[in-house]
Protein backbone atom coordinates (compact mmCIF):
# COMPACT_ATOMS: atom_id res chain seq x y z
CA MET A 1 0.07 0.01 0.05
CA LEU A 2 2.83 2.42 0.82
CA LYS A 3 5.52 1.19 -1.47
CA HIS A 4 5.61 4.65 -3.20
CA VAL A 5 6.12 6.67 0.01
CA GLN A 6 9.56 8.18 0.13
CA TRP A 7 10.09 7.63 3.92
CA SER A 8 12.78 9.83 5.57
CA SER A 9 13.39 11.22 8.98
CA SER A 10 12.07 14.59 7.58
CA SER A 11 8.55 13.01 7.01
CA GLN A 12 7.34 14.32 10.38
CA THR A 13 3.86 15.56 9.46
CA ILE A 14 1.62 13.16 7.66
CA VAL A 15 -2.06 13.72 6.63
CA GLU A 16 -4.34 11.07 5.48
CA LEU A 17 -7.52 12.17 3.60
CA GLY A 18 -10.32 9.64 3.96
CA GLY A 19 -9.41 7.16 6.75
CA GLY A 20 -12.29 5.02 5.85
CA LYS A 21 -12.19 1.72 7.75
CA GLY A 22 -8.47 2.11 8.53
CA PRO A 23 -6.28 -0.18 6.27
CA MET A 24 -4.23 2.80 5.08
CA THR A 25 -4.27 4.39 8.59
CA ARG A 26 -2.97 1.16 10.17
CA ALA A 27 -0.22 0.86 7.46
CA LEU A 28 0.90 4.43 8.03
CA ILE A 29 1.01 3.92 11.78
CA SER A 30 3.21 0.84 11.35
CA GLN A 31 5.56 2.40 8.79
CA LYS A 32 5.97 5.98 9.92
CA TRP A 33 8.98 7.26 11.91
CA LYS A 34 8.36 7.10 15.71
CA THR A 35 8.65 10.89 15.93
CA ALA A 36 6.24 11.51 13.04
CA HIS A 37 2.69 12.76 13.60
CA LEU A 38 -0.26 11.41 11.63
CA THR A 39 -3.62 13.13 11.30
CA SER A 40 -6.36 11.00 9.66
CA CYS A 41 -9.26 13.04 8.37
CA GLU A 42 -12.66 11.24 8.05
CA LEU A 43 -16.00 12.72 7.14
CA ASP A 44 -18.24 9.85 7.92
CA ARG A 45 -19.13 9.70 11.59
CA ASP A 46 -19.50 5.87 11.78
CA ARG A 47 -16.04 5.42 10.20
CA TYR A 48 -14.52 8.17 12.35
CA GLU A 49 -15.87 6.38 15.49
CA TRP A 50 -14.45 3.13 14.26
CA LEU A 51 -10.94 4.75 13.63
CA LYS A 52 -10.81 6.48 17.08
CA HIS A 53 -9.32 3.51 18.79
CA LEU A 54 -6.16 4.12 16.66
CA GLU A 55 -5.45 7.40 18.39
CA SER A 56 -2.26 7.84 20.38
CA ASP A 57 0.15 10.68 21.16
CA SER A 58 1.38 10.65 17.60
CA VAL A 59 -1.91 9.74 15.82
CA LYS A 60 -4.96 11.99 15.75
CA ILE A 61 -8.32 11.09 14.12
CA VAL A 62 -10.47 14.06 13.16
CA LEU A 63 -14.10 14.33 12.06
CA LEU A 64 -13.74 16.90 9.37
CA ASP A 65 -14.05 17.16 5.61
CA ALA A 66 -10.70 17.06 3.76
CA GLU A 67 -10.59 20.88 2.96
CA LYS A 68 -11.34 21.88 6.54
CA CYS A 69 -8.91 19.42 7.93
CA LEU A 70 -6.14 20.66 5.64
CA SER A 71 -6.94 24.18 6.59
CA THR A 72 -5.82 23.46 10.15
CA PHE A 73 -2.23 23.08 8.91
CA ALA A 74 0.15 25.90 8.16
CA ARG A 75 1.22 26.59 4.54
CA GLY A 76 4.09 24.28 3.54
CA SER A 77 4.01 22.35 6.85
CA VAL A 78 2.87 18.87 5.66
CA ASP A 79 5.50 16.38 4.54
CA LEU A 80 3.26 13.65 3.16
CA ILE A 81 -0.41 13.67 2.12
CA ILE A 82 -2.13 10.31 1.21
CA SER A 83 -5.63 10.65 -0.22
CA THR A 84 -8.03 7.89 -0.90
CA LEU A 85 -10.83 10.45 -1.55
CA PRO A 86 -13.08 9.47 -4.56
CA LEU A 87 -12.39 12.71 -6.45
CA GLY A 88 -14.37 11.51 -9.41
CA SER A 89 -17.50 11.11 -7.30
CA MET A 90 -17.60 14.68 -6.04
CA PRO A 91 -18.36 17.95 -7.84
CA PRO A 92 -15.36 18.99 -9.87
CA GLU A 93 -14.99 22.31 -8.06
CA HIS A 94 -14.96 20.58 -4.61
CA ALA A 95 -12.35 18.13 -5.91
CA ARG A 96 -10.21 21.12 -7.10
CA ASP A 97 -10.65 22.92 -3.77
CA ILE A 98 -9.40 19.92 -1.95
CA LEU A 99 -6.34 19.52 -4.32
CA LYS A 100 -5.59 23.26 -3.90
CA ALA A 101 -5.69 23.01 -0.10
CA ALA A 102 -3.40 20.00 -0.25
CA ALA A 103 -0.91 21.74 -2.49
CA ASP A 104 -1.01 24.86 -0.23
CA VAL A 105 -0.02 22.88 2.95
CA LEU A 106 2.47 20.36 1.32
CA SER A 107 6.05 21.24 2.08
CA PRO A 108 8.34 22.08 -0.83
CA ASN A 109 9.95 18.58 -0.77
CA GLY A 110 6.62 16.99 0.23
CA GLN A 111 4.99 13.98 -1.41
CA TYR A 112 1.28 13.74 -2.48
CA ILE A 113 -0.20 10.38 -3.18
CA GLN A 114 -3.73 10.02 -4.66
CA TYR A 115 -5.53 6.70 -4.91
CA GLN A 116 -8.17 6.86 -7.70
CA TYR A 117 -10.59 4.37 -9.10
CA PHE A 118 -10.93 6.23 -12.51
CA ALA A 119 -8.35 8.30 -14.39
CA THR A 120 -10.96 11.14 -14.95
CA ASN A 121 -9.21 13.53 -12.44
CA ARG A 122 -5.70 13.41 -13.75
CA LYS A 123 -5.92 16.84 -15.23
CA ASP A 124 -7.16 18.33 -11.88
CA VAL A 125 -4.34 16.56 -10.03
CA GLU A 126 -1.83 17.92 -12.63
CA GLN A 127 -3.15 21.46 -12.15
CA PHE A 128 -1.71 21.43 -8.57
CA PHE A 129 0.94 18.71 -8.50
CA VAL A 130 3.69 17.26 -10.73
CA ILE A 131 2.81 13.68 -11.30
CA GLU A 132 6.03 11.77 -11.12
CA LYS A 133 4.48 8.30 -11.68
CA VAL A 134 1.21 6.66 -12.29
CA ASP A 135 0.90 3.03 -10.84
CA TRP A 136 -1.90 0.49 -10.79
CA GLU A 137 -2.84 -1.34 -7.58
CA ALA A 138 -4.61 -4.53 -8.83
CA MET A 139 -4.65 -6.00 -5.31
CA ASN A 140 -6.88 -3.13 -4.07
CA PHE A 141 -10.62 -3.69 -4.29
CA PRO A 142 -11.61 -2.17 -6.39
CA PRO A 143 -8.33 -1.80 -8.26
CA ALA A 144 -6.94 1.69 -8.13
CA PHE A 145 -4.74 4.10 -10.07
CA ILE A 146 -1.99 5.74 -7.85
CA TYR A 147 -0.77 9.12 -8.62
CA ILE A 148 2.68 9.71 -6.98
CA CYS A 149 3.18 13.48 -6.99
CA LYS A 150 5.48 16.31 -5.85
CA LYS A 151 4.49 19.97 -5.28
CA ARG A 152 4.24 22.03 -8.55
């Protein structure tokens, strides 16, 4: 799941957009540096309640939409953003607002990784990020495209 993450000791602030039922959250917790802080943003109350048991001193689960969650971080302060948000299922302007908010808070050397089930939002992603690689995760259900990006 996280084979594309460029882990380093400078990856101290991590944001997950769309914690869902927690598979990515658990993977991030197990692979992040001990000193790193993870904030997982989830909009659905039931999923949020399910994720709450994963909280610790270095893991924060928040019940907020992605754009509001990202607005709690200072410009350029996030080292890694992983999004499993279904951009293609939301109004285009909302998807672009989330991508812009992510680009604003991503650090200059930060990494943005977007999981998508359709390639329809590639141009939106490219508006805010440089896509370094597109991969395909066939083991995911449903299978997903993975955009591995850097700040534009």
